Amino acid sequence: MIGAIHVLLVEDNAADVDLTRETLGSTKFDIKLSVARDGVEAIEFLTSATNGPEADHPTLILLDLNLPRKDGRQVLSILKVKTSSGVFRCHPVFVGFR
């Protein structure tokens, strides 16, 4: 049986956040959804999760490319550097844009 899945959604569009929350909530899986509204919040969340309990670590990141402050490309670059240096865990990342 699959345990709880922790998804970090990095999305600035409230309608897309609501749609994702509704869609994930309608599944049979135990999914915890955390939301970061921009790239800066995403990096802050991941930094905090790294220093926190196991349950805070996302299982999956859903990343919008078009974000304020730090866009998705910048977040991916930071993830790559911090993951390869051992600061962050390796997370599967799904990228979306429109």
PDB file of N, CA and C in Angstrom:
ATOM      1  N   MET A   1       0.845  -1.187   0.000  1.00  0.00           N
ATOM      2  CA  MET A   1       0.000   0.000   0.000  1.00  0.00           C
ATOM      3  C   MET A   1       0.883   1.240   0.000  1.00  0.00           C
ATOM      4  N   ILE A   2       0.484   2.230  -0.731  1.00  0.00           N
ATOM      5  CA  ILE A   2       1.223   3.481  -0.813  1.00  0.00           C
ATOM      6  C   ILE A   2       0.904   4.331   0.413  1.00  0.00           C
ATOM      7  N   GLY A   3       1.943   4.879   1.035  1.00  0.00           N
ATOM      8  CA  GLY A   3       1.737   5.781   2.174  1.00  0.00           C
ATOM      9  C   GLY A   3       1.302   7.150   1.694  1.00  0.00           C
ATOM     10  N   ALA A   4       1.317   8.085   2.603  1.00  0.00           N
ATOM     11  CA  ALA A   4       0.918   9.454   2.264  1.00  0.00           C
ATOM     12  C   ALA A   4       1.864  10.043   1.220  1.00  0.00           C
ATOM     13  N   ILE A   5       1.292  10.774   0.307  1.00  0.00           N
ATOM     14  CA  ILE A   5       2.052  11.450  -0.738  1.00  0.00           C
ATOM     15  C   ILE A   5       1.995  12.944  -0.435  1.00  0.00           C
ATOM     16  N   HIS A   6       3.150  13.565  -0.365  1.00  0.00           N
ATOM     17  CA  HIS A   6       3.211  15.007  -0.090  1.00  0.00           C
ATOM     18  C   HIS A   6       3.604  15.715  -1.385  1.00  0.00           C
ATOM     19  N   VAL A   7       2.691  16.508  -1.908  1.00  0.00           N
ATOM     20  CA  VAL A   7       2.904  17.232  -3.160  1.00  0.00           C
ATOM     21  C   VAL A   7       3.137  18.712  -2.842  1.00  0.00           C
ATOM     22  N   LEU A   8       4.222  19.252  -3.391  1.00  0.00           N
ATOM     23  CA  LEU A   8       4.459  20.690  -3.336  1.00  0.00           C
ATOM     24  C   LEU A   8       4.045  21.267  -4.680  1.00  0.00           C
ATOM     25  N   LEU A   9       3.008  22.085  -4.670  1.00  0.00           N
ATOM     26  CA  LEU A   9       2.535  22.768  -5.873  1.00  0.00           C
ATOM     27  C   LEU A   9       3.103  24.178  -5.869  1.00  0.00           C
ATOM     28  N   VAL A  10       3.848  24.520  -6.909  1.00  0.00           N
ATOM     29  CA  VAL A  10       4.408  25.862  -7.040  1.00  0.00           C
ATOM     30  C   VAL A  10       3.633  26.542  -8.163  1.00  0.00           C
ATOM     31  N   GLU A  11       2.675  27.374  -7.759  1.00  0.00           N
ATOM     32  CA  GLU A  11       1.715  27.943  -8.712  1.00  0.00           C
ATOM     33  C   GLU A  11       1.200  29.275  -8.183  1.00  0.00           C
ATOM     34  N   ASP A  12       1.201  30.287  -9.040  1.00  0.00           N
ATOM     35  CA  ASP A  12       0.734  31.616  -8.627  1.00  0.00           C
ATOM     36  C   ASP A  12      -0.720  31.891  -9.003  1.00  0.00           C
ATOM     37  N   ASN A  13      -1.319  31.044  -9.823  1.00  0.00           N
ATOM     38  CA  ASN A  13      -2.698  31.245 -10.260  1.00  0.00           C
ATOM     39  C   ASN A  13      -3.647  30.531  -9.296  1.00  0.00           C
ATOM     40  N   ALA A  14      -4.482  31.308  -8.588  1.00  0.00           N
ATOM     41  CA  ALA A  14      -5.376  30.742  -7.572  1.00  0.00           C
ATOM     42  C   ALA A  14      -6.348  29.721  -8.151  1.00  0.00           C
ATOM     43  N   ALA A  15      -6.826  29.951  -9.367  1.00  0.00           N
ATOM     44  CA  ALA A  15      -7.758  29.010  -9.992  1.00  0.00           C
ATOM     45  C   ALA A  15      -7.076  27.668 -10.253  1.00  0.00           C
ATOM     46  N   ASP A  16      -5.821  27.707 -10.686  1.00  0.00           N
ATOM     47  CA  ASP A  16      -5.077  26.467 -10.915  1.00  0.00           C
ATOM     48  C   ASP A  16      -4.783  25.740  -9.603  1.00  0.00           C
ATOM     49  N   VAL A  17      -4.533  26.500  -8.545  1.00  0.00           N
ATOM     50  CA  VAL A  17      -4.333  25.894  -7.223  1.00  0.00           C
ATOM     51  C   VAL A  17      -5.613  25.185  -6.795  1.00  0.00           C
ATOM     52  N   ASP A  18      -6.760  25.859  -6.947  1.00  0.00           N
ATOM     53  CA  ASP A  18      -8.042  25.260  -6.567  1.00  0.00           C
ATOM     54  C   ASP A  18      -8.338  24.006  -7.390  1.00  0.00           C
ATOM     55  N   LEU A  19      -8.084  24.068  -8.691  1.00  0.00           N
ATOM     56  CA  LEU A  19      -8.319  22.917  -9.564  1.00  0.00           C
ATOM     57  C   LEU A  19      -7.438  21.732  -9.156  1.00  0.00           C
ATOM     58  N   THR A  20      -6.173  22.018  -8.883  1.00  0.00           N
ATOM     59  CA  THR A  20      -5.254  20.950  -8.471  1.00  0.00           C
ATOM     60  C   THR A  20      -5.690  20.355  -7.142  1.00  0.00           C
ATOM     61  N   ARG A  21      -6.046  21.209  -6.187  1.00  0.00           N
ATOM     62  CA  ARG A  21      -6.508  20.744  -4.874  1.00  0.00           C
ATOM     63  C   ARG A  21      -7.749  19.836  -5.029  1.00  0.00           C
ATOM     64  N   GLU A  22      -8.690  20.273  -5.870  1.00  0.00           N
ATOM     65  CA  GLU A  22      -9.913  19.496  -6.092  1.00  0.00           C
ATOM     66  C   GLU A  22      -9.597  18.157  -6.763  1.00  0.00           C
ATOM     67  N   THR A  23      -8.739  18.186  -7.757  1.00  0.00           N
ATOM     68  CA  THR A  23      -8.390  16.967  -8.490  1.00  0.00           C
ATOM     69  C   THR A  23      -7.671  15.967  -7.592  1.00  0.00           C
ATOM     70  N   LEU A  24      -6.675  16.432  -6.853  1.00  0.00           N
ATOM     71  CA  LEU A  24      -5.939  15.529  -5.964  1.00  0.00           C
ATOM     72  C   LEU A  24      -6.818  15.022  -4.829  1.00  0.00           C
ATOM     73  N   GLY A  25      -7.726  15.876  -4.374  1.00  0.00           N
ATOM     74  CA  GLY A  25      -8.634  15.473  -3.301  1.00  0.00           C
ATOM     75  C   GLY A  25      -9.642  14.422  -3.711  1.00  0.00           C
ATOM     76  N   SER A  26      -9.884  14.288  -5.010  1.00  0.00           N
ATOM     77  CA  SER A  26     -10.876  13.323  -5.497  1.00  0.00           C
ATOM     78  C   SER A  26     -10.275  11.934  -5.732  1.00  0.00           C
ATOM     79  N   THR A  27      -8.976  11.778  -5.477  1.00  0.00           N
ATOM     80  CA  THR A  27      -8.348  10.467  -5.675  1.00  0.00           C
ATOM     81  C   THR A  27      -8.518   9.608  -4.430  1.00  0.00           C
ATOM     82  N   LYS A  28      -8.181   8.348  -4.550  1.00  0.00           N
ATOM     83  CA  LYS A  28      -8.267   7.434  -3.406  1.00  0.00           C
ATOM     84  C   LYS A  28      -6.984   7.452  -2.573  1.00  0.00           C
ATOM     85  N   PHE A  29      -6.005   8.254  -2.982  1.00  0.00           N
ATOM     86  CA  PHE A  29      -4.723   8.304  -2.276  1.00  0.00           C
ATOM     87  C   PHE A  29      -4.745   9.335  -1.158  1.00  0.00           C
ATOM     88  N   ASP A  30      -3.897   9.114  -0.180  1.00  0.00           N
ATOM     89  CA  ASP A  30      -3.720  10.057   0.926  1.00  0.00           C
ATOM     90  C   ASP A  30      -2.699  11.100   0.472  1.00  0.00           C
ATOM     91  N   ILE A  31      -3.186  12.271   0.052  1.00  0.00           N
ATOM     92  CA  ILE A  31      -2.307  13.299  -0.506  1.00  0.00           C
ATOM     93  C   ILE A  31      -2.361  14.556   0.343  1.00  0.00           C
ATOM     94  N   LYS A  32      -1.184  14.988   0.776  1.00  0.00           N
ATOM     95  CA  LYS A  32      -1.046  16.276   1.474  1.00  0.00           C
ATOM     96  C   LYS A  32      -0.547  17.270   0.425  1.00  0.00           C
ATOM     97  N   LEU A  33      -1.241  18.385   0.282  1.00  0.00           N
ATOM     98  CA  LEU A  33      -0.853  19.395  -0.701  1.00  0.00           C
ATOM     99  C   LEU A  33      -0.337  20.634   0.008  1.00  0.00           C
ATOM    100  N   SER A  34       0.892  21.010  -0.319  1.00  0.00           N
ATOM    101  CA  SER A  34       1.457  22.277   0.141  1.00  0.00           C
ATOM    102  C   SER A  34       1.581  23.174  -1.080  1.00  0.00           C
ATOM    103  N   VAL A  35       1.368  24.479  -0.887  1.00  0.00           N
ATOM    104  CA  VAL A  35       1.376  25.409  -2.009  1.00  0.00           C
ATOM    105  C   VAL A  35       2.387  26.517  -1.758  1.00  0.00           C
ATOM    106  N   ALA A  36       3.213  26.771  -2.765  1.00  0.00           N
ATOM    107  CA  ALA A  36       4.102  27.934  -2.793  1.00  0.00           C
ATOM    108  C   ALA A  36       3.625  28.800  -3.954  1.00  0.00           C
ATOM    109  N   ARG A  37       3.466  30.096  -3.724  1.00  0.00           N
ATOM    110  CA  ARG A  37       2.896  30.996  -4.740  1.00  0.00           C
ATOM    111  C   ARG A  37       3.921  31.541  -5.726  1.00  0.00           C
ATOM    112  N   ASP A  38       5.199  31.321  -5.445  1.00  0.00           N
ATOM    113  CA  ASP A  38       6.247  31.764  -6.377  1.00  0.00           C
ATOM    114  C   ASP A  38       7.522  30.981  -6.093  1.00  0.00           C
ATOM    115  N   GLY A  39       8.552  31.244  -6.900  1.00  0.00           N
ATOM    116  CA  GLY A  39       9.798  30.506  -6.760  1.00  0.00           C
ATOM    117  C   GLY A  39      10.515  30.737  -5.447  1.00  0.00           C
ATOM    118  N   VAL A  40      10.426  31.946  -4.920  1.00  0.00           N
ATOM    119  CA  VAL A  40      11.069  32.248  -3.640  1.00  0.00           C
ATOM    120  C   VAL A  40      10.423  31.424  -2.534  1.00  0.00           C
ATOM    121  N   GLU A  41       9.092  31.389  -2.503  1.00  0.00           N
ATOM    122  CA  GLU A  41       8.390  30.576  -1.499  1.00  0.00           C
ATOM    123  C   GLU A  41       8.740  29.097  -1.640  1.00  0.00           C
ATOM    124  N   ALA A  42       8.895  28.629  -2.874  1.00  0.00           N
ATOM    125  CA  ALA A  42       9.230  27.219  -3.102  1.00  0.00           C
ATOM    126  C   ALA A  42      10.594  26.881  -2.502  1.00  0.00           C
ATOM    127  N   ILE A  43      11.584  27.717  -2.756  1.00  0.00           N
ATOM    128  CA  ILE A  43      12.922  27.467  -2.227  1.00  0.00           C
ATOM    129  C   ILE A  43      12.915  27.567  -0.700  1.00  0.00           C
ATOM    130  N   GLU A  44      12.185  28.539  -0.165  1.00  0.00           N
ATOM    131  CA  GLU A  44      12.067  28.653   1.300  1.00  0.00           C
ATOM    132  C   GLU A  44      11.402  27.409   1.892  1.00  0.00           C
ATOM    133  N   PHE A  45      10.354  26.923   1.238  1.00  0.00           N
ATOM    134  CA  PHE A  45       9.666  25.721   1.710  1.00  0.00           C
ATOM    135  C   PHE A  45      10.613  24.528   1.717  1.00  0.00           C
ATOM    136  N   LEU A  46      11.344  24.338   0.620  1.00  0.00           N
ATOM    137  CA  LEU A  46      12.244  23.191   0.523  1.00  0.00           C
ATOM    138  C   LEU A  46      13.392  23.293   1.524  1.00  0.00           C
ATOM    139  N   THR A  47      13.866  24.502   1.766  1.00  0.00           N
ATOM    140  CA  THR A  47      14.926  24.697   2.758  1.00  0.00           C
ATOM    141  C   THR A  47      14.403  24.336   4.148  1.00  0.00           C
ATOM    142  N   SER A  48      13.204  24.777   4.453  1.00  0.00           N
ATOM    143  CA  SER A  48      12.583  24.473   5.743  1.00  0.00           C
ATOM    144  C   SER A  48      12.333  22.972   5.876  1.00  0.00           C
ATOM    145  N   ALA A  49      11.852  22.343   4.810  1.00  0.00           N
ATOM    146  CA  ALA A  49      11.574  20.902   4.842  1.00  0.00           C
ATOM    147  C   ALA A  49      12.845  20.098   5.060  1.00  0.00           C
ATOM    148  N   THR A  50      13.945  20.568   4.495  1.00  0.00           N
ATOM    149  CA  THR A  50      15.223  19.876   4.649  1.00  0.00           C
ATOM    150  C   THR A  50      15.641  19.831   6.112  1.00  0.00           C
ATOM    151  N   ASN A  51      15.329  20.891   6.840  1.00  0.00           N
ATOM    152  CA  ASN A  51      15.712  20.971   8.247  1.00  0.00           C
ATOM    153  C   ASN A  51      14.622  20.471   9.189  1.00  0.00           C
ATOM    154  N   GLY A  52      13.488  20.031   8.633  1.00  0.00           N
ATOM    155  CA  GLY A  52      12.352  19.618   9.454  1.00  0.00           C
ATOM    156  C   GLY A  52      12.163  18.118   9.474  1.00  0.00           C
ATOM    157  N   PRO A  53      11.017  17.686  10.018  1.00  0.00           N
ATOM    158  CA  PRO A  53      10.726  16.251  10.100  1.00  0.00           C
ATOM    159  C   PRO A  53      10.490  15.626   8.728  1.00  0.00           C
ATOM    160  N   GLU A  54      10.611  14.324   8.687  1.00  0.00           N
ATOM    161  CA  GLU A  54      10.454  13.558   7.442  1.00  0.00           C
ATOM    162  C   GLU A  54       9.143  13.875   6.728  1.00  0.00           C
ATOM    163  N   ALA A  55       8.067  14.063   7.474  1.00  0.00           N
ATOM    164  CA  ALA A  55       6.749  14.312   6.883  1.00  0.00           C
ATOM    165  C   ALA A  55       6.695  15.620   6.097  1.00  0.00           C
ATOM    166  N   ASP A  56       7.636  16.522   6.343  1.00  0.00           N
ATOM    167  CA  ASP A  56       7.653  17.802   5.638  1.00  0.00           C
ATOM    168  C   ASP A  56       8.266  17.707   4.248  1.00  0.00           C
ATOM    169  N   HIS A  57       8.968  16.629   3.960  1.00  0.00           N
ATOM    170  CA  HIS A  57       9.633  16.486   2.662  1.00  0.00           C
ATOM    171  C   HIS A  57       8.616  16.128   1.583  1.00  0.00           C
ATOM    172  N   PRO A  58       8.549  16.917   0.510  1.00  0.00           N
ATOM    173  CA  PRO A  58       7.593  16.564  -0.554  1.00  0.00           C
ATOM    174  C   PRO A  58       8.050  15.310  -1.295  1.00  0.00           C
ATOM    175  N   THR A  59       7.066  14.544  -1.715  1.00  0.00           N
ATOM    176  CA  THR A  59       7.306  13.358  -2.529  1.00  0.00           C
ATOM    177  C   THR A  59       7.436  13.755  -3.994  1.00  0.00           C
ATOM    178  N   LEU A  60       6.763  14.837  -4.344  1.00  0.00           N
ATOM    179  CA  LEU A  60       6.655  15.284  -5.730  1.00  0.00           C
ATOM    180  C   LEU A  60       6.505  16.801  -5.760  1.00  0.00           C
ATOM    181  N   ILE A  61       7.099  17.439  -6.766  1.00  0.00           N
ATOM    182  CA  ILE A  61       6.948  18.882  -6.964  1.00  0.00           C
ATOM    183  C   ILE A  61       6.249  19.115  -8.302  1.00  0.00           C
ATOM    184  N   LEU A  62       5.156  19.875  -8.269  1.00  0.00           N
ATOM    185  CA  LEU A  62       4.478  20.322  -9.489  1.00  0.00           C
ATOM    186  C   LEU A  62       4.852  21.789  -9.663  1.00  0.00           C
ATOM    187  N   LEU A  63       5.586  22.101 -10.712  1.00  0.00           N
ATOM    188  CA  LEU A  63       6.207  23.418 -10.861  1.00  0.00           C
ATOM    189  C   LEU A  63       5.725  24.136 -12.118  1.00  0.00           C
ATOM    190  N   ASP A  64       5.167  25.313 -11.915  1.00  0.00           N
ATOM    191  CA  ASP A  64       4.811  26.203 -13.025  1.00  0.00           C
ATOM    192  C   ASP A  64       6.086  26.924 -13.447  1.00  0.00           C
ATOM    193  N   LEU A  65       6.291  27.118 -14.732  1.00  0.00           N
ATOM    194  CA  LEU A  65       7.488  27.843 -15.189  1.00  0.00           C
ATOM    195  C   LEU A  65       7.321  29.355 -15.095  1.00  0.00           C
ATOM    196  N   ASN A  66       6.111  29.837 -15.280  1.00  0.00           N
ATOM    197  CA  ASN A  66       5.863  31.278 -15.305  1.00  0.00           C
ATOM    198  C   ASN A  66       5.406  31.749 -13.931  1.00  0.00           C
ATOM    199  N   LEU A  67       6.368  32.187 -13.129  1.00  0.00           N
ATOM    200  CA  LEU A  67       6.109  32.583 -11.750  1.00  0.00           C
ATOM    201  C   LEU A  67       6.700  33.958 -11.474  1.00  0.00           C
ATOM    202  N   PRO A  68       6.130  34.678 -10.495  1.00  0.00           N
ATOM    203  CA  PRO A  68       6.745  35.950 -10.084  1.00  0.00           C
ATOM    204  C   PRO A  68       7.977  35.692  -9.207  1.00  0.00           C
ATOM    205  N   ARG A  69       8.755  36.730  -9.008  1.00  0.00           N
ATOM    206  CA  ARG A  69       9.970  36.760  -8.183  1.00  0.00           C
ATOM    207  C   ARG A  69      11.054  35.818  -8.702  1.00  0.00           C
ATOM    208  N   LYS A  70      10.931  34.530  -8.587  1.00  0.00           N
ATOM    209  CA  LYS A  70      11.834  33.566  -9.230  1.00  0.00           C
ATOM    210  C   LYS A  70      10.960  32.676 -10.092  1.00  0.00           C
ATOM    211  N   ASP A  71      11.296  32.590 -11.379  1.00  0.00           N
ATOM    212  CA  ASP A  71      10.466  31.748 -12.240  1.00  0.00           C
ATOM    213  C   ASP A  71      10.873  30.279 -12.105  1.00  0.00           C
ATOM    214  N   GLY A  72      10.110  29.416 -12.748  1.00  0.00           N
ATOM    215  CA  GLY A  72      10.342  27.985 -12.643  1.00  0.00           C
ATOM    216  C   GLY A  72      11.712  27.546 -13.117  1.00  0.00           C
ATOM    217  N   ARG A  73      12.255  28.213 -14.118  1.00  0.00           N
ATOM    218  CA  ARG A  73      13.588  27.865 -14.617  1.00  0.00           C
ATOM    219  C   ARG A  73      14.648  28.143 -13.543  1.00  0.00           C
ATOM    220  N   GLN A  74      14.498  29.257 -12.851  1.00  0.00           N
ATOM    221  CA  GLN A  74      15.432  29.583 -11.775  1.00  0.00           C
ATOM    222  C   GLN A  74      15.302  28.579 -10.627  1.00  0.00           C
ATOM    223  N   VAL A  75      14.078  28.192 -10.320  1.00  0.00           N
ATOM    224  CA  VAL A  75      13.860  27.185  -9.274  1.00  0.00           C
ATOM    225  C   VAL A  75      14.526  25.873  -9.672  1.00  0.00           C
ATOM    226  N   LEU A  76      14.372  25.451 -10.917  1.00  0.00           N
ATOM    227  CA  LEU A  76      15.010  24.218 -11.386  1.00  0.00           C
ATOM    228  C   LEU A  76      16.527  24.293 -11.268  1.00  0.00           C
ATOM    229  N   SER A  77      17.099  25.429 -11.607  1.00  0.00           N
ATOM    230  CA  SER A  77      18.555  25.602 -11.498  1.00  0.00           C
ATOM    231  C   SER A  77      19.019  25.471 -10.049  1.00  0.00           C
ATOM    232  N   ILE A  78      18.276  26.106  -9.144  1.00  0.00           N
ATOM    233  CA  ILE A  78      18.625  26.024  -7.724  1.00  0.00           C
ATOM    234  C   ILE A  78      18.464  24.590  -7.221  1.00  0.00           C
ATOM    235  N   LEU A  79      17.381  23.934  -7.615  1.00  0.00           N
ATOM    236  CA  LEU A  79      17.175  22.536  -7.224  1.00  0.00           C
ATOM    237  C   LEU A  79      18.323  21.653  -7.697  1.00  0.00           C
ATOM    238  N   LYS A  80      18.756  21.872  -8.925  1.00  0.00           N
ATOM    239  CA  LYS A  80      19.844  21.063  -9.486  1.00  0.00           C
ATOM    240  C   LYS A  80      21.122  21.229  -8.669  1.00  0.00           C
ATOM    241  N   VAL A  81      21.476  22.456  -8.366  1.00  0.00           N
ATOM    242  CA  VAL A  81      22.704  22.724  -7.610  1.00  0.00           C
ATOM    243  C   VAL A  81      22.594  22.175  -6.192  1.00  0.00           C
ATOM    244  N   LYS A  82      21.484  22.462  -5.518  1.00  0.00           N
ATOM    245  CA  LYS A  82      21.345  22.064  -4.112  1.00  0.00           C
ATOM    246  C   LYS A  82      21.140  20.559  -3.959  1.00  0.00           C
ATOM    247  N   THR A  83      20.575  19.905  -4.970  1.00  0.00           N
ATOM    248  CA  THR A  83      20.424  18.449  -4.916  1.00  0.00           C
ATOM    249  C   THR A  83      21.768  17.769  -5.159  1.00  0.00           C
ATOM    250  N   SER A  84      22.510  18.249  -6.151  1.00  0.00           N
ATOM    251  CA  SER A  84      23.805  17.624  -6.447  1.00  0.00           C
ATOM    252  C   SER A  84      24.830  17.861  -5.344  1.00  0.00           C
ATOM    253  N   SER A  85      24.668  18.945  -4.586  1.00  0.00           N
ATOM    254  CA  SER A  85      25.590  19.215  -3.478  1.00  0.00           C
ATOM    255  C   SER A  85      25.124  18.562  -2.173  1.00  0.00           C
ATOM    256  N   GLY A  86      23.961  17.900  -2.200  1.00  0.00           N
ATOM    257  CA  GLY A  86      23.475  17.199  -1.024  1.00  0.00           C
ATOM    258  C   GLY A  86      22.658  18.046  -0.059  1.00  0.00           C
ATOM    259  N   VAL A  87      22.397  19.306  -0.414  1.00  0.00           N
ATOM    260  CA  VAL A  87      21.618  20.173   0.469  1.00  0.00           C
ATOM    261  C   VAL A  87      20.144  19.771   0.433  1.00  0.00           C
ATOM    262  N   PHE A  88      19.604  19.543  -0.768  1.00  0.00           N
ATOM    263  CA  PHE A  88      18.212  19.110  -0.931  1.00  0.00           C
ATOM    264  C   PHE A  88      18.199  17.649  -1.325  1.00  0.00           C
ATOM    265  N   ARG A  89      17.087  16.999  -1.026  1.00  0.00           N
ATOM    266  CA  ARG A  89      16.859  15.648  -1.521  1.00  0.00           C
ATOM    267  C   ARG A  89      16.498  15.715  -2.999  1.00  0.00           C
ATOM    268  N   CYS A  90      16.608  14.593  -3.649  1.00  0.00           N
ATOM    269  CA  CYS A  90      16.185  14.504  -5.047  1.00  0.00           C
ATOM    270  C   CYS A  90      14.666  14.345  -5.065  1.00  0.00           C
ATOM    271  N   HIS A  91      13.990  15.245  -5.770  1.00  0.00           N
ATOM    272  CA  HIS A  91      12.536  15.207  -5.870  1.00  0.00           C
ATOM    273  C   HIS A  91      12.132  15.066  -7.339  1.00  0.00           C
ATOM    274  N   PRO A  92      11.156  14.215  -7.645  1.00  0.00           N
ATOM    275  CA  PRO A  92      10.626  14.254  -8.995  1.00  0.00           C
ATOM    276  C   PRO A  92       9.902  15.590  -9.191  1.00  0.00           C
ATOM    277  N   VAL A  93      10.150  16.207 -10.347  1.00  0.00           N
ATOM    278  CA  VAL A  93       9.543  17.503 -10.650  1.00  0.00           C
ATOM    279  C   VAL A  93       8.795  17.403 -11.961  1.00  0.00           C
ATOM    280  N   PHE A  94       7.522  17.769 -11.943  1.00  0.00           N
ATOM    281  CA  PHE A  94       6.735  17.887 -13.156  1.00  0.00           C
ATOM    282  C   PHE A  94       6.576  19.360 -13.453  1.00  0.00           C
ATOM    283  N   VAL A  95       6.897  19.740 -14.681  1.00  0.00           N
ATOM    284  CA  VAL A  95       6.889  21.137 -15.074  1.00  0.00           C
ATOM    285  C   VAL A  95       5.692  21.401 -15.979  1.00  0.00           C
ATOM    286  N   GLY A  96       4.988  22.495 -15.703  1.00  0.00           N
ATOM    287  CA  GLY A  96       3.870  22.896 -16.540  1.00  0.00           C
ATOM    288  C   GLY A  96       3.968  24.377 -16.869  1.00  0.00           C
ATOM    289  N   PHE A  97       3.419  24.755 -18.005  1.00  0.00           N
ATOM    290  CA  PHE A  97       3.414  26.157 -18.392  1.00  0.00           C
ATOM    291  C   PHE A  97       2.280  26.393 -19.369  1.00  0.00           C
ATOM    292  N   ARG A  98       1.892  27.646 -19.435  1.00  0.00           N
ATOM    293  CA  ARG A  98       0.947  28.047 -20.477  1.00  0.00           C
ATOM    294  C   ARG A  98       1.033  29.527 -20.653  1.00  0.00           C
TER     295      ARG A  98
END
